[in-house]
């Protein structure tokens, strides 16, 4: 069975307002506390039966947490703030639909994650490509290779991928393909 629903302009404004409040909260919060609260909630979500839509979005959110924590990727301040804002909203148990409501409690969180994912999709794709490149490089990395060369190559790849993400974001902005949620 497939159930579809449309988010109205009013609903989008609600999520935009919620994200603004979350962004404000991020400015005063400790990143480590936000990340730990998210990890705790991931465990909670995994321990209950949730719709596939929610589970899939939680996996995306976990990937975004990886971006924040990956020192070699080193998110920009703006990207980091966007991800942390989504996490703050996600970690609020009394958001639009309280998390303790069986079957539906994480639906609004999943919607917010989807909106955040869409907003950051080019950056997330670039990060996934970076991780794949790093993994492939490290598989061929031998003890005799110079770690400084590894670092230079990874950073050069990271910079090219970030430039690609910026070009794609600019293209989307010019074409009006994305609505700013975050």
N, C-alpha and C. Protein backbone atom coordinates (compact mmCIF):
# COMPACT_ATOMS: atom_id res chain seq x y z
N UNK A 1 0.84 -1.16 0.00
CA UNK A 1 0.00 0.00 0.00
C UNK A 1 0.90 1.23 0.00
N UNK A 2 0.49 2.22 -0.73
CA UNK A 2 1.24 3.46 -0.81
C UNK A 2 0.34 4.59 -0.34
N UNK A 3 0.86 5.38 0.57
CA UNK A 3 0.13 6.54 1.06
C UNK A 3 0.97 7.76 0.73
N UNK A 4 0.37 8.71 0.09
CA UNK A 4 1.08 9.94 -0.28
C UNK A 4 0.36 11.13 0.32
N UNK A 5 1.11 12.14 0.66
CA UNK A 5 0.50 13.37 1.13
C UNK A 5 1.33 14.53 0.63
N UNK A 6 0.69 15.66 0.57
CA UNK A 6 1.33 16.85 0.07
C UNK A 6 1.52 17.82 1.23
N UNK A 7 2.68 18.42 1.29
CA UNK A 7 2.96 19.40 2.33
C UNK A 7 2.57 20.77 1.77
N UNK A 8 1.66 21.43 2.46
CA UNK A 8 1.17 22.73 2.01
C UNK A 8 2.21 23.82 2.26
N UNK A 9 1.98 24.98 1.67
CA UNK A 9 2.86 26.12 1.91
C UNK A 9 2.88 26.46 3.40
N UNK A 10 1.74 26.34 4.04
CA UNK A 10 1.64 26.61 5.49
C UNK A 10 2.52 25.62 6.27
N UNK A 11 2.47 24.35 5.87
CA UNK A 11 3.30 23.34 6.53
C UNK A 11 4.79 23.62 6.31
N UNK A 12 5.13 24.01 5.08
CA UNK A 12 6.53 24.34 4.78
C UNK A 12 6.97 25.50 5.66
N UNK A 13 6.11 26.50 5.81
CA UNK A 13 6.45 27.63 6.68
C UNK A 13 6.66 27.16 8.13
N UNK A 14 5.82 26.21 8.57
CA UNK A 14 6.00 25.65 9.91
C UNK A 14 7.39 25.04 10.05
N UNK A 15 7.79 24.25 9.09
CA UNK A 15 9.10 23.60 9.16
C UNK A 15 10.22 24.63 9.05
N UNK A 16 10.02 25.66 8.24
CA UNK A 16 11.02 26.72 8.16
C UNK A 16 11.17 27.43 9.50
N UNK A 17 10.04 27.73 10.15
CA UNK A 17 10.09 28.35 11.47
C UNK A 17 10.76 27.43 12.49
N UNK A 18 10.41 26.16 12.44
CA UNK A 18 11.02 25.19 13.36
C UNK A 18 12.52 25.11 13.14
N UNK A 19 12.93 25.14 11.88
CA UNK A 19 14.36 25.08 11.58
C UNK A 19 15.06 26.35 12.05
N UNK A 20 14.42 27.50 11.90
CA UNK A 20 15.01 28.74 12.41
C UNK A 20 15.20 28.67 13.93
N UNK A 21 14.18 28.14 14.62
CA UNK A 21 14.31 27.99 16.07
C UNK A 21 15.44 27.01 16.40
N UNK A 22 15.53 25.94 15.65
CA UNK A 22 16.59 24.96 15.88
C UNK A 22 17.95 25.58 15.61
N UNK A 23 18.06 26.39 14.56
CA UNK A 23 19.32 27.06 14.26
C UNK A 23 19.73 27.98 15.41
N UNK A 24 18.75 28.68 15.96
CA UNK A 24 19.04 29.55 17.10
C UNK A 24 19.55 28.72 18.27
N UNK A 25 18.93 27.59 18.51
CA UNK A 25 19.35 26.71 19.61
C UNK A 25 20.75 26.16 19.38
N UNK A 26 21.11 25.90 18.13
CA UNK A 26 22.43 25.36 17.80
C UNK A 26 23.52 26.34 18.20
N UNK A 27 23.25 27.61 18.05
CA UNK A 27 24.28 28.61 18.37
C UNK A 27 24.71 28.53 19.83
N UNK A 28 23.81 28.10 20.71
CA UNK A 28 24.10 28.04 22.14
C UNK A 28 24.43 26.64 22.63
N UNK A 29 24.31 25.66 21.77
CA UNK A 29 24.49 24.26 22.20
C UNK A 29 25.89 23.76 21.88
N UNK A 30 26.27 22.73 22.59
CA UNK A 30 27.55 22.07 22.39
C UNK A 30 27.35 21.00 21.31
N UNK A 31 28.18 21.05 20.26
CA UNK A 31 28.05 20.10 19.15
C UNK A 31 28.07 18.66 19.64
N UNK A 32 28.97 18.35 20.58
CA UNK A 32 29.09 16.99 21.09
C UNK A 32 27.80 16.53 21.76
N UNK A 33 27.13 17.43 22.48
CA UNK A 33 25.87 17.09 23.13
C UNK A 33 24.78 16.81 22.10
N UNK A 34 24.74 17.61 21.05
CA UNK A 34 23.74 17.41 19.99
C UNK A 34 23.97 16.06 19.32
N UNK A 35 25.23 15.77 18.98
CA UNK A 35 25.55 14.51 18.31
C UNK A 35 25.24 13.31 19.20
N UNK A 36 25.53 13.42 20.49
CA UNK A 36 25.24 12.31 21.40
C UNK A 36 23.73 12.13 21.55
N UNK A 37 22.99 13.22 21.65
CA UNK A 37 21.53 13.12 21.74
C UNK A 37 20.96 12.45 20.48
N UNK A 38 21.53 12.78 19.34
CA UNK A 38 21.08 12.16 18.09
C UNK A 38 21.38 10.67 18.09
N UNK A 39 22.59 10.29 18.51
CA UNK A 39 22.93 8.86 18.57
C UNK A 39 22.00 8.11 19.51
N UNK A 40 21.69 8.73 20.65
CA UNK A 40 20.76 8.10 21.61
C UNK A 40 19.39 7.91 20.96
N UNK A 41 18.94 8.91 20.23
CA UNK A 41 17.63 8.81 19.59
C UNK A 41 17.64 7.81 18.44
N UNK A 42 18.77 7.70 17.72
CA UNK A 42 18.88 6.66 16.67
C UNK A 42 18.62 5.29 17.29
N UNK A 43 19.23 5.07 18.44
CA UNK A 43 19.04 3.80 19.13
C UNK A 43 17.59 3.59 19.52
N UNK A 44 16.95 4.65 20.00
CA UNK A 44 15.55 4.56 20.38
C UNK A 44 14.67 4.26 19.16
N UNK A 45 14.92 4.93 18.06
CA UNK A 45 14.13 4.71 16.85
C UNK A 45 14.31 3.27 16.36
N UNK A 46 15.53 2.77 16.42
CA UNK A 46 15.80 1.41 15.95
C UNK A 46 15.16 0.35 16.86
N UNK A 47 14.89 0.73 18.10
CA UNK A 47 14.33 -0.24 19.04
C UNK A 47 12.81 -0.37 18.94
N UNK A 48 12.17 0.51 18.18
CA UNK A 48 10.72 0.43 18.00
C UNK A 48 10.42 0.21 16.52
N UNK A 49 9.25 -0.28 16.28
CA UNK A 49 8.85 -0.51 14.89
C UNK A 49 8.41 0.82 14.28
N UNK A 50 9.11 1.23 13.23
CA UNK A 50 8.77 2.48 12.55
C UNK A 50 8.50 2.19 11.08
N UNK A 51 7.71 3.05 10.44
CA UNK A 51 7.47 2.88 9.00
C UNK A 51 8.78 2.99 8.22
N UNK A 52 8.83 2.34 7.07
CA UNK A 52 10.04 2.36 6.24
C UNK A 52 10.45 3.79 5.90
N UNK A 53 9.49 4.66 5.65
CA UNK A 53 9.78 6.05 5.34
C UNK A 53 10.64 6.67 6.45
N UNK A 54 10.29 6.40 7.68
CA UNK A 54 11.03 6.94 8.82
C UNK A 54 12.41 6.29 8.91
N UNK A 55 12.47 4.97 8.81
CA UNK A 55 13.75 4.25 8.91
C UNK A 55 14.74 4.72 7.85
N UNK A 56 14.26 4.92 6.63
CA UNK A 56 15.13 5.37 5.54
C UNK A 56 15.68 6.76 5.83
N UNK A 57 14.85 7.62 6.39
CA UNK A 57 15.31 8.98 6.71
C UNK A 57 16.30 8.98 7.87
N UNK A 58 16.13 8.06 8.81
CA UNK A 58 17.07 7.97 9.91
C UNK A 58 18.46 7.56 9.40
N UNK A 59 18.49 6.68 8.40
CA UNK A 59 19.77 6.29 7.81
C UNK A 59 20.43 7.50 7.15
N UNK A 60 19.63 8.35 6.51
CA UNK A 60 20.18 9.57 5.91
C UNK A 60 20.72 10.50 6.98
N UNK A 61 20.00 10.58 8.08
CA UNK A 61 20.44 11.45 9.17
C UNK A 61 21.75 10.93 9.76
N UNK A 62 21.88 9.62 9.88
CA UNK A 62 23.13 9.05 10.37
C UNK A 62 24.29 9.40 9.43
N UNK A 63 24.02 9.41 8.12
CA UNK A 63 25.06 9.80 7.16
C UNK A 63 25.46 11.26 7.36
N UNK A 64 24.48 12.10 7.66
CA UNK A 64 24.78 13.51 7.91
C UNK A 64 25.62 13.68 9.17
N UNK A 65 25.35 12.86 10.18
CA UNK A 65 26.16 12.89 11.41
C UNK A 65 27.61 12.52 11.06
N UNK A 66 27.76 11.53 10.19
CA UNK A 66 29.11 11.16 9.74
C UNK A 66 29.85 12.32 9.11
N UNK A 67 29.14 13.13 8.33
CA UNK A 67 29.75 14.31 7.72
C UNK A 67 30.26 15.27 8.78
N UNK A 68 29.47 15.46 9.82
CA UNK A 68 29.85 16.39 10.89
C UNK A 68 31.09 15.87 11.62
N UNK A 69 31.15 14.58 11.85
CA UNK A 69 32.22 14.00 12.67
C UNK A 69 33.51 13.72 11.89
N UNK A 70 33.46 13.71 10.59
CA UNK A 70 34.61 13.35 9.78
C UNK A 70 35.59 14.52 9.69
N UNK A 71 36.69 14.40 10.40
CA UNK A 71 37.67 15.48 10.46
C UNK A 71 38.34 15.74 9.12
N UNK A 72 38.50 14.70 8.30
CA UNK A 72 39.13 14.90 7.00
C UNK A 72 38.19 15.60 6.02
N UNK A 73 36.90 15.48 6.22
CA UNK A 73 35.95 16.18 5.37
C UNK A 73 35.83 17.63 5.82
N UNK A 74 35.85 17.88 7.11
CA UNK A 74 35.84 19.23 7.69
C UNK A 74 34.76 20.11 7.08
N UNK A 75 33.53 19.89 7.50
CA UNK A 75 32.40 20.68 7.02
C UNK A 75 32.62 22.17 7.22
N UNK A 76 32.08 22.96 6.30
CA UNK A 76 32.10 24.40 6.50
C UNK A 76 31.17 24.75 7.65
N UNK A 77 31.32 25.91 8.20
CA UNK A 77 30.48 26.34 9.32
C UNK A 77 29.00 26.33 8.93
N UNK A 78 28.68 26.83 7.74
CA UNK A 78 27.28 26.88 7.30
C UNK A 78 26.69 25.48 7.13
N UNK A 79 27.44 24.58 6.50
CA UNK A 79 26.95 23.21 6.33
C UNK A 79 26.78 22.52 7.68
N UNK A 80 27.74 22.72 8.56
CA UNK A 80 27.70 22.12 9.89
C UNK A 80 26.47 22.61 10.65
N UNK A 81 26.20 23.90 10.55
CA UNK A 81 25.04 24.47 11.23
C UNK A 81 23.74 23.88 10.68
N UNK A 82 23.65 23.69 9.37
CA UNK A 82 22.44 23.11 8.78
C UNK A 82 22.19 21.70 9.31
N UNK A 83 23.24 20.88 9.33
CA UNK A 83 23.09 19.51 9.81
C UNK A 83 22.72 19.51 11.30
N UNK A 84 23.43 20.30 12.08
CA UNK A 84 23.15 20.34 13.52
C UNK A 84 21.74 20.86 13.80
N UNK A 85 21.26 21.78 12.98
CA UNK A 85 19.89 22.28 13.15
C UNK A 85 18.88 21.16 12.93
N UNK A 86 19.10 20.36 11.91
CA UNK A 86 18.20 19.23 11.67
C UNK A 86 18.26 18.26 12.85
N UNK A 87 19.44 18.06 13.41
CA UNK A 87 19.59 17.16 14.55
C UNK A 87 18.88 17.70 15.78
N UNK A 88 18.97 19.01 16.00
CA UNK A 88 18.29 19.61 17.15
C UNK A 88 16.79 19.39 17.04
N UNK A 89 16.23 19.60 15.85
CA UNK A 89 14.80 19.38 15.66
C UNK A 89 14.47 17.91 15.91
N UNK A 90 15.28 17.04 15.33
CA UNK A 90 15.08 15.60 15.47
C UNK A 90 15.10 15.17 16.93
N UNK A 91 15.96 15.76 17.72
CA UNK A 91 16.13 15.35 19.12
C UNK A 91 15.08 15.93 20.05
N UNK A 92 14.25 16.84 19.57
CA UNK A 92 13.20 17.43 20.42
C UNK A 92 12.03 16.46 20.49
N UNK A 93 11.79 15.83 21.65
CA UNK A 93 10.71 14.84 21.76
C UNK A 93 9.31 15.44 21.68
N UNK A 94 9.19 16.74 21.87
CA UNK A 94 7.88 17.39 21.85
C UNK A 94 7.74 18.32 20.65
N UNK A 95 8.15 17.86 19.48
CA UNK A 95 8.00 18.66 18.29
C UNK A 95 6.58 18.54 17.77
N UNK A 96 6.34 18.76 16.49
CA UNK A 96 4.99 18.77 15.95
C UNK A 96 4.18 17.54 16.34
N UNK A 97 4.77 16.35 16.17
CA UNK A 97 4.14 15.10 16.60
C UNK A 97 5.06 14.52 17.67
N UNK A 98 4.61 14.48 18.93
CA UNK A 98 5.49 13.95 19.99
C UNK A 98 6.00 12.55 19.65
N UNK A 99 7.29 12.33 19.90
CA UNK A 99 7.94 11.09 19.51
C UNK A 99 7.33 9.84 20.14
N UNK A 100 6.67 9.97 21.26
CA UNK A 100 6.12 8.79 21.94
C UNK A 100 4.81 8.29 21.32
N UNK A 101 4.26 9.00 20.33
CA UNK A 101 3.03 8.55 19.68
C UNK A 101 3.37 7.35 18.78
N UNK A 102 2.83 6.16 19.10
CA UNK A 102 3.19 4.95 18.35
C UNK A 102 2.90 5.07 16.85
N UNK A 103 3.90 4.70 16.05
CA UNK A 103 3.73 4.65 14.60
C UNK A 103 3.85 5.98 13.91
N UNK A 104 3.56 7.07 14.59
CA UNK A 104 3.57 8.39 13.95
C UNK A 104 4.56 9.37 14.58
N UNK A 105 5.06 9.06 15.75
CA UNK A 105 5.86 10.00 16.51
C UNK A 105 7.09 10.54 15.81
N UNK A 106 7.65 9.77 14.89
CA UNK A 106 8.85 10.22 14.20
C UNK A 106 8.55 10.70 12.78
N UNK A 107 7.27 10.77 12.41
CA UNK A 107 6.92 11.17 11.05
C UNK A 107 7.36 12.60 10.75
N UNK A 108 7.07 13.54 11.66
CA UNK A 108 7.49 14.92 11.41
C UNK A 108 9.02 15.03 11.39
N UNK A 109 9.69 14.22 12.22
CA UNK A 109 11.16 14.22 12.20
C UNK A 109 11.66 13.74 10.84
N UNK A 110 11.02 12.70 10.32
CA UNK A 110 11.41 12.16 9.01
C UNK A 110 11.20 13.19 7.91
N UNK A 111 10.13 13.96 8.02
CA UNK A 111 9.88 15.01 7.03
C UNK A 111 10.98 16.06 7.11
N UNK A 112 11.32 16.47 8.32
CA UNK A 112 12.38 17.47 8.49
C UNK A 112 13.71 16.94 7.96
N UNK A 113 14.01 15.68 8.22
CA UNK A 113 15.24 15.08 7.72
C UNK A 113 15.23 15.08 6.19
N UNK A 114 14.09 14.73 5.60
CA UNK A 114 13.98 14.73 4.14
C UNK A 114 14.24 16.12 3.58
N UNK A 115 13.66 17.14 4.21
CA UNK A 115 13.87 18.51 3.75
C UNK A 115 15.34 18.91 3.90
N UNK A 116 15.96 18.54 5.01
CA UNK A 116 17.38 18.84 5.22
C UNK A 116 18.23 18.09 4.19
N UNK A 117 17.89 16.83 3.96
CA UNK A 117 18.63 16.03 2.99
C UNK A 117 18.54 16.65 1.60
N UNK A 118 17.36 17.10 1.22
CA UNK A 118 17.21 17.73 -0.10
C UNK A 118 18.01 19.01 -0.19
N UNK A 119 18.03 19.77 0.88
CA UNK A 119 18.78 21.02 0.90
C UNK A 119 20.29 20.77 0.78
N UNK A 120 20.75 19.68 1.36
CA UNK A 120 22.19 19.38 1.39
C UNK A 120 22.59 18.26 0.43
N UNK A 121 21.72 17.90 -0.48
CA UNK A 121 21.98 16.71 -1.30
C UNK A 121 23.30 16.76 -2.06
N UNK A 122 23.66 17.93 -2.59
CA UNK A 122 24.91 18.00 -3.35
C UNK A 122 26.12 17.82 -2.42
N UNK A 123 26.04 18.38 -1.22
CA UNK A 123 27.12 18.22 -0.27
C UNK A 123 27.22 16.77 0.21
N UNK A 124 26.06 16.14 0.41
CA UNK A 124 26.05 14.74 0.86
C UNK A 124 26.60 13.84 -0.24
N UNK A 125 26.21 14.08 -1.48
CA UNK A 125 26.76 13.30 -2.60
C UNK A 125 28.27 13.47 -2.67
N UNK A 126 28.74 14.71 -2.51
CA UNK A 126 30.18 14.96 -2.55
C UNK A 126 30.87 14.20 -1.41
N UNK A 127 30.27 14.23 -0.23
CA UNK A 127 30.86 13.52 0.91
C UNK A 127 30.90 12.02 0.66
N UNK A 128 29.84 11.47 0.11
CA UNK A 128 29.82 10.04 -0.19
C UNK A 128 30.91 9.68 -1.20
N UNK A 129 31.10 10.54 -2.20
CA UNK A 129 32.16 10.32 -3.18
C UNK A 129 33.53 10.41 -2.52
N UNK A 130 33.68 11.36 -1.58
CA UNK A 130 34.94 11.50 -0.85
C UNK A 130 35.24 10.24 -0.04
N UNK A 131 34.23 9.74 0.67
CA UNK A 131 34.42 8.53 1.47
C UNK A 131 34.82 7.35 0.60
N UNK A 132 34.18 7.21 -0.57
CA UNK A 132 34.51 6.12 -1.48
C UNK A 132 35.95 6.27 -1.99
N UNK A 133 36.34 7.49 -2.35
CA UNK A 133 37.71 7.73 -2.82
C UNK A 133 38.71 7.41 -1.72
N UNK A 134 38.44 7.89 -0.51
CA UNK A 134 39.34 7.66 0.61
C UNK A 134 39.49 6.16 0.90
N UNK A 135 38.38 5.46 0.88
CA UNK A 135 38.41 4.03 1.14
C UNK A 135 39.24 3.30 0.08
N UNK A 136 39.02 3.66 -1.17
CA UNK A 136 39.78 3.03 -2.26
C UNK A 136 41.26 3.37 -2.15
N UNK A 137 41.55 4.62 -1.84
CA UNK A 137 42.95 5.04 -1.69
C UNK A 137 43.61 4.28 -0.54
N UNK A 138 42.92 4.21 0.59
CA UNK A 138 43.50 3.57 1.77
C UNK A 138 43.68 2.06 1.57
N UNK A 139 42.85 1.43 0.75
CA UNK A 139 43.03 0.01 0.47
C UNK A 139 44.35 -0.23 -0.23
N UNK A 140 44.79 0.73 -1.04
CA UNK A 140 46.05 0.60 -1.75
C UNK A 140 47.20 1.26 -1.02
N UNK A 141 46.95 1.80 0.15
CA UNK A 141 47.96 2.53 0.92
C UNK A 141 48.90 1.54 1.61
N UNK A 142 50.16 1.67 1.32
CA UNK A 142 51.16 0.78 1.93
C UNK A 142 52.00 1.56 2.93
N UNK A 143 52.65 0.85 3.82
CA UNK A 143 53.43 1.49 4.87
C UNK A 143 54.52 2.41 4.32
N UNK A 144 55.03 2.10 3.15
CA UNK A 144 56.13 2.91 2.61
C UNK A 144 55.65 4.22 2.00
N UNK A 145 54.35 4.36 1.79
CA UNK A 145 53.85 5.60 1.22
C UNK A 145 53.91 6.72 2.25
N UNK A 146 54.06 7.89 1.75
CA UNK A 146 54.17 9.07 2.61
C UNK A 146 52.79 9.53 3.04
N UNK A 147 52.51 9.60 4.35
CA UNK A 147 51.20 10.07 4.83
C UNK A 147 50.90 11.50 4.38
N UNK A 148 51.94 12.30 4.18
CA UNK A 148 51.71 13.67 3.71
C UNK A 148 51.13 13.67 2.29
N UNK A 149 51.56 12.71 1.47
CA UNK A 149 51.02 12.59 0.12
C UNK A 149 49.54 12.20 0.20
N UNK A 150 49.23 11.27 1.09
CA UNK A 150 47.83 10.86 1.28
C UNK A 150 46.98 12.07 1.65
N UNK A 151 47.45 12.83 2.61
CA UNK A 151 46.71 14.00 3.06
C UNK A 151 46.51 14.99 1.91
N UNK A 152 47.57 15.28 1.15
CA UNK A 152 47.45 16.21 0.01
C UNK A 152 46.44 15.71 -1.01
N UNK A 153 46.51 14.43 -1.33
CA UNK A 153 45.57 13.88 -2.32
C UNK A 153 44.14 13.91 -1.83
N UNK A 154 43.93 13.54 -0.57
CA UNK A 154 42.57 13.57 -0.03
C UNK A 154 42.02 14.99 0.02
N UNK A 155 42.83 15.94 0.42
CA UNK A 155 42.36 17.32 0.52
C UNK A 155 42.09 17.90 -0.87
N UNK A 156 42.92 17.54 -1.85
CA UNK A 156 42.68 18.00 -3.22
C UNK A 156 41.36 17.43 -3.74
N UNK A 157 41.13 16.15 -3.48
CA UNK A 157 39.88 15.52 -3.90
C UNK A 157 38.69 16.17 -3.19
N UNK A 158 38.82 16.40 -1.88
CA UNK A 158 37.76 17.04 -1.10
C UNK A 158 37.44 18.41 -1.69
N UNK A 159 38.47 19.18 -2.00
CA UNK A 159 38.24 20.53 -2.53
C UNK A 159 37.53 20.49 -3.88
N UNK A 160 37.92 19.56 -4.75
CA UNK A 160 37.24 19.44 -6.05
C UNK A 160 35.78 19.03 -5.87
N UNK A 161 35.53 18.11 -4.94
CA UNK A 161 34.15 17.68 -4.68
C UNK A 161 33.31 18.81 -4.09
N UNK A 162 33.90 19.61 -3.24
CA UNK A 162 33.17 20.76 -2.68
C UNK A 162 32.85 21.78 -3.77
N UNK A 163 33.81 21.99 -4.67
CA UNK A 163 33.56 22.91 -5.79
C UNK A 163 32.43 22.39 -6.67
N UNK A 164 32.42 21.10 -6.90
CA UNK A 164 31.33 20.49 -7.68
C UNK A 164 29.99 20.71 -6.99
N UNK A 165 29.95 20.48 -5.69
CA UNK A 165 28.71 20.68 -4.93
C UNK A 165 28.25 22.13 -5.02
N UNK A 166 29.19 23.06 -4.92
CA UNK A 166 28.84 24.49 -5.00
C UNK A 166 28.29 24.84 -6.38
N UNK A 167 28.90 24.30 -7.43
CA UNK A 167 28.39 24.55 -8.79
C UNK A 167 26.98 24.01 -8.95
N UNK A 168 26.74 22.81 -8.44
CA UNK A 168 25.41 22.21 -8.56
C UNK A 168 24.38 22.99 -7.75
N UNK A 169 24.77 23.42 -6.57
CA UNK A 169 23.86 24.23 -5.75
C UNK A 169 23.53 25.54 -6.48
N UNK A 170 24.55 26.18 -7.06
CA UNK A 170 24.34 27.42 -7.80
C UNK A 170 23.42 27.19 -8.99
N UNK A 171 23.63 26.10 -9.70
CA UNK A 171 22.78 25.76 -10.84
C UNK A 171 21.33 25.60 -10.39
N UNK A 172 21.12 24.91 -9.28
CA UNK A 172 19.77 24.73 -8.75
C UNK A 172 19.14 26.06 -8.35
N UNK A 173 19.94 26.91 -7.73
CA UNK A 173 19.43 28.21 -7.31
C UNK A 173 19.01 29.04 -8.51
N UNK A 174 19.84 29.02 -9.55
CA UNK A 174 19.53 29.79 -10.75
C UNK A 174 18.31 29.27 -11.48
N UNK A 175 18.12 27.96 -11.43
CA UNK A 175 16.96 27.37 -12.12
C UNK A 175 15.72 27.37 -11.24
N UNK A 176 15.88 27.73 -9.96
CA UNK A 176 14.74 27.73 -9.05
C UNK A 176 14.32 26.32 -8.66
N UNK A 177 15.26 25.37 -8.77
CA UNK A 177 14.94 23.96 -8.53
C UNK A 177 14.77 23.62 -7.06
N UNK A 178 15.30 24.45 -6.18
CA UNK A 178 15.18 24.12 -4.76
C UNK A 178 14.57 25.29 -4.00
N UNK A 179 13.78 24.94 -3.04
CA UNK A 179 13.24 25.95 -2.13
C UNK A 179 14.05 25.86 -0.84
N UNK A 180 14.53 26.99 -0.40
CA UNK A 180 15.35 27.00 0.81
C UNK A 180 14.51 26.67 2.03
N UNK A 181 14.83 25.59 2.67
CA UNK A 181 14.15 25.18 3.91
C UNK A 181 15.06 25.52 5.08
N UNK A 182 16.34 25.24 4.91
CA UNK A 182 17.27 25.39 6.04
C UNK A 182 17.90 26.76 6.05
